[in-house]
Every structure is written in C-alpha cells, then in structure tokens.
Amino acid sequence: TKCVKIRLKPGCLDRARAWAAEINARSEEALATLRDEGVSIESVFLDRTSEGDFLIYYLRAADFDVAQSATEASRHGIDAFHAEFKKDCWAEGRRLELLVDLTDNPAR
C-alpha cells in the first residue's frame, strides 16, 4: 500500500479534470493496465490548497517493482495518455508516510 502526493504545475487543474474524465471514460482499458501491473486499487483524489493543487494517489499492489516494470512495458494507449499528462502537469511528488492500513477481507 502506498500513497503519493503530486503537486500539479500551475494552470493544470483543467487538464487534470480532463485527464480524470478520460481515465473514467476508458475504465475498461485502465482496469486492464491495473491487472497487468498487479495493482488491486488505484484511487486519485484532488487536494486544492493555498499552496497549489495536488493529486493524492492511493495504491495497493502485490509488488510495486513488478507494477513499475509492467507500466514501462505497457502497450496500452491509456498508459501513453497518462504518461503525457504526467510529463506536462506533474511538478513533483512525494510518498506519504503510512500509519494505518487495515483490510477486512471476508474471502480469507
């Protein structure tokens, strides 16, 4: 489990909203990439503050090194779209400290 806080470049809020709308519209393709990466949960939140606009990524994967390798090798068009958004709009990111991570999985 990890959570990452991404600072958006100034002026990228509308682009971030358009990016999110595109990901949601192409959810089947996006879910296919998550399966390839071994990611079971990926949620992205918008945090608008006086210091700027941030994306908060919450992810859960079996192995983040495997997920990264799969991302780099991906041939899904949605991943190229996402990479372009990152290049154009992400200023910086930092991993947030995990304090509590509970899962209640009745299928155990």
C-alpha atoms as a PDB file:
ATOM      1  CA  THR A   1       0.000   0.000   0.000  1.00  0.00           C
ATOM      2  CA  LYS A   2       1.268   3.455  -0.765  1.00  0.00           C
ATOM      3  CA  CYS A   3       0.018   6.983  -1.040  1.00  0.00           C
ATOM      4  CA  VAL A   4       1.754   9.671  -3.089  1.00  0.00           C
ATOM      5  CA  LYS A   5       1.112  13.409  -3.118  1.00  0.00           C
ATOM      6  CA  ILE A   6       1.734  15.003  -6.528  1.00  0.00           C
ATOM      7  CA  ARG A   7       1.994  18.778  -6.924  1.00  0.00           C
ATOM      8  CA  LEU A   8       0.422  19.917 -10.179  1.00  0.00           C
ATOM      9  CA  LYS A   9       2.125  22.585 -12.243  1.00  0.00           C
ATOM     10  CA  PRO A  10       0.316  25.944 -12.181  1.00  0.00           C
ATOM     11  CA  GLY A  11      -2.527  26.117 -14.680  1.00  0.00           C
ATOM     12  CA  CYS A  12      -3.015  22.330 -14.904  1.00  0.00           C
ATOM     13  CA  LEU A  13      -6.249  21.989 -12.926  1.00  0.00           C
ATOM     14  CA  ASP A  14      -8.497  21.888 -16.002  1.00  0.00           C
ATOM     15  CA  ARG A  15      -6.113  19.440 -17.650  1.00  0.00           C
ATOM     16  CA  ALA A  16      -6.210  17.233 -14.527  1.00  0.00           C
ATOM     17  CA  ARG A  17     -10.002  17.188 -14.619  1.00  0.00           C
ATOM     18  CA  ALA A  18      -9.943  16.309 -18.342  1.00  0.00           C
ATOM     19  CA  TRP A  19      -7.362  13.562 -17.659  1.00  0.00           C
ATOM     20  CA  ALA A  20      -9.589  12.089 -14.920  1.00  0.00           C
ATOM     21  CA  ALA A  21     -12.655  12.216 -17.180  1.00  0.00           C
ATOM     22  CA  GLU A  22     -10.717  10.369 -19.910  1.00  0.00           C
ATOM     23  CA  ILE A  23      -9.487   7.692 -17.475  1.00  0.00           C
ATOM     24  CA  ASN A  24     -13.041   7.186 -16.213  1.00  0.00           C
ATOM     25  CA  ALA A  25     -14.428   7.056 -19.770  1.00  0.00           C
ATOM     26  CA  ARG A  26     -11.832   4.425 -20.694  1.00  0.00           C
ATOM     27  CA  SER A  27     -12.159   2.479 -17.436  1.00  0.00           C
ATOM     28  CA  GLU A  28     -12.047  -0.980 -19.068  1.00  0.00           C
ATOM     29  CA  GLU A  29      -8.682  -0.162 -20.652  1.00  0.00           C
ATOM     30  CA  ALA A  30      -7.444   1.395 -17.414  1.00  0.00           C
ATOM     31  CA  LEU A  31      -8.504  -1.710 -15.466  1.00  0.00           C
ATOM     32  CA  ALA A  32      -6.633  -3.899 -17.962  1.00  0.00           C
ATOM     33  CA  THR A  33      -3.451  -1.982 -17.167  1.00  0.00           C
ATOM     34  CA  LEU A  34      -4.032  -2.434 -13.435  1.00  0.00           C
ATOM     35  CA  ARG A  35      -4.376  -6.190 -13.948  1.00  0.00           C
ATOM     36  CA  ASP A  36      -1.108  -6.213 -15.948  1.00  0.00           C
ATOM     37  CA  GLU A  37       0.602  -4.303 -13.132  1.00  0.00           C
ATOM     38  CA  GLY A  38      -0.818  -6.407 -10.293  1.00  0.00           C
ATOM     39  CA  VAL A  39      -2.478  -3.303  -8.823  1.00  0.00           C
ATOM     40  CA  SER A  40      -5.702  -4.063  -6.985  1.00  0.00           C
ATOM     41  CA  ILE A  41      -6.655  -0.485  -6.035  1.00  0.00           C
ATOM     42  CA  GLU A  42      -5.790   2.862  -7.552  1.00  0.00           C
ATOM     43  CA  SER A  43      -7.691   5.904  -6.353  1.00  0.00           C
ATOM     44  CA  VAL A  44      -6.814   9.519  -7.109  1.00  0.00           C
ATOM     45  CA  PHE A  45      -8.094  12.498  -5.130  1.00  0.00           C
ATOM     46  CA  LEU A  46      -7.777  16.221  -5.807  1.00  0.00           C
ATOM     47  CA  ASP A  47      -6.498  18.412  -2.960  1.00  0.00           C
ATOM     48  CA  ARG A  48      -6.863  22.154  -3.631  1.00  0.00           C
ATOM     49  CA  THR A  49      -4.901  24.223  -1.115  1.00  0.00           C
ATOM     50  CA  SER A  50      -3.488  27.725  -0.791  1.00  0.00           C
ATOM     51  CA  GLU A  51      -0.131  26.151  -1.707  1.00  0.00           C
ATOM     52  CA  GLY A  52      -1.431  24.777  -5.017  1.00  0.00           C
ATOM     53  CA  ASP A  53      -3.314  21.849  -6.475  1.00  0.00           C
ATOM     54  CA  PHE A  54      -2.286  18.294  -5.648  1.00  0.00           C
ATOM     55  CA  LEU A  55      -3.252  14.801  -6.708  1.00  0.00           C
ATOM     56  CA  ILE A  56      -3.313  12.242  -3.913  1.00  0.00           C
ATOM     57  CA  TYR A  57      -2.709   8.717  -5.239  1.00  0.00           C
ATOM     58  CA  TYR A  58      -3.708   5.724  -3.095  1.00  0.00           C
ATOM     59  CA  LEU A  59      -2.437   2.406  -4.472  1.00  0.00           C
ATOM     60  CA  ARG A  60      -2.400  -1.207  -3.418  1.00  0.00           C
ATOM     61  CA  ALA A  61      -0.332  -3.811  -5.262  1.00  0.00           C
ATOM     62  CA  ALA A  62       1.277  -7.158  -4.567  1.00  0.00           C
ATOM     63  CA  ASP A  63       4.697  -5.828  -5.680  1.00  0.00           C
ATOM     64  CA  PHE A  64       5.343  -2.230  -6.722  1.00  0.00           C
ATOM     65  CA  ASP A  65       8.570  -3.139  -8.551  1.00  0.00           C
ATOM     66  CA  VAL A  66       6.602  -5.545 -10.749  1.00  0.00           C
ATOM     67  CA  ALA A  67       3.940  -2.872 -11.256  1.00  0.00           C
ATOM     68  CA  GLN A  68       6.573  -0.344 -12.360  1.00  0.00           C
ATOM     69  CA  SER A  69       8.109  -2.799 -14.826  1.00  0.00           C
ATOM     70  CA  ALA A  70       4.694  -3.563 -16.302  1.00  0.00           C
ATOM     71  CA  THR A  71       3.975   0.158 -16.639  1.00  0.00           C
ATOM     72  CA  GLU A  72       7.226   0.728 -18.510  1.00  0.00           C
ATOM     73  CA  ALA A  73       6.500  -2.165 -20.899  1.00  0.00           C
ATOM     74  CA  SER A  74       2.827  -1.309 -21.431  1.00  0.00           C
ATOM     75  CA  ARG A  75       1.388  -1.083 -24.920  1.00  0.00           C
ATOM     76  CA  HIS A  76      -1.999   0.216 -23.733  1.00  0.00           C
ATOM     77  CA  GLY A  77      -2.905   3.568 -25.260  1.00  0.00           C
ATOM     78  CA  ILE A  78      -4.283   4.774 -21.934  1.00  0.00           C
ATOM     79  CA  ASP A  79      -0.793   4.448 -20.419  1.00  0.00           C
ATOM     80  CA  ALA A  80       0.705   6.671 -23.132  1.00  0.00           C
ATOM     81  CA  PHE A  81      -2.073   9.195 -22.461  1.00  0.00           C
ATOM     82  CA  HIS A  82      -1.280   9.069 -18.723  1.00  0.00           C
ATOM     83  CA  ALA A  83       2.484   9.433 -19.317  1.00  0.00           C
ATOM     84  CA  GLU A  84       1.899  12.570 -21.400  1.00  0.00           C
ATOM     85  CA  PHE A  85      -0.259  14.065 -18.637  1.00  0.00           C
ATOM     86  CA  LYS A  86       2.460  13.305 -16.072  1.00  0.00           C
ATOM     87  CA  LYS A  87       5.160  14.908 -18.235  1.00  0.00           C
ATOM     88  CA  ASP A  88       3.091  18.020 -18.865  1.00  0.00           C
ATOM     89  CA  CYS A  89       1.437  18.573 -15.474  1.00  0.00           C
ATOM     90  CA  TRP A  90       3.289  16.896 -12.611  1.00  0.00           C
ATOM     91  CA  ALA A  91       5.705  19.254 -10.855  1.00  0.00           C
ATOM     92  CA  GLU A  92       6.880  16.948  -8.060  1.00  0.00           C
ATOM     93  CA  GLY A  93       5.726  14.111  -5.881  1.00  0.00           C
ATOM     94  CA  ARG A  94       6.451  12.608  -2.535  1.00  0.00           C
ATOM     95  CA  ARG A  95       5.406   9.415  -0.843  1.00  0.00           C
ATOM     96  CA  LEU A  96       3.289   9.891   2.266  1.00  0.00           C
ATOM     97  CA  GLU A  97       4.021   8.001   5.466  1.00  0.00           C
ATOM     98  CA  LEU A  98       1.720   5.027   6.055  1.00  0.00           C
ATOM     99  CA  LEU A  99       0.397   4.977   9.615  1.00  0.00           C
ATOM    100  CA  VAL A 100      -2.583   2.594   9.435  1.00  0.00           C
ATOM    101  CA  ASP A 101      -3.524   0.080   6.733  1.00  0.00           C
ATOM    102  CA  LEU A 102      -6.445  -2.191   7.607  1.00  0.00           C
ATOM    103  CA  THR A 103      -8.194  -4.634   5.304  1.00  0.00           C
ATOM    104  CA  ASP A 104     -11.196  -6.746   6.181  1.00  0.00           C
ATOM    105  CA  ASN A 105     -11.313  -9.428   3.526  1.00  0.00           C
ATOM    106  CA  PRO A 106     -14.121 -11.909   4.272  1.00  0.00           C
ATOM    107  CA  ALA A 107     -12.902 -14.193   1.449  1.00  0.00           C
ATOM    108  CA  ARG A 108      -9.854 -15.274   3.521  1.00  0.00           C
END
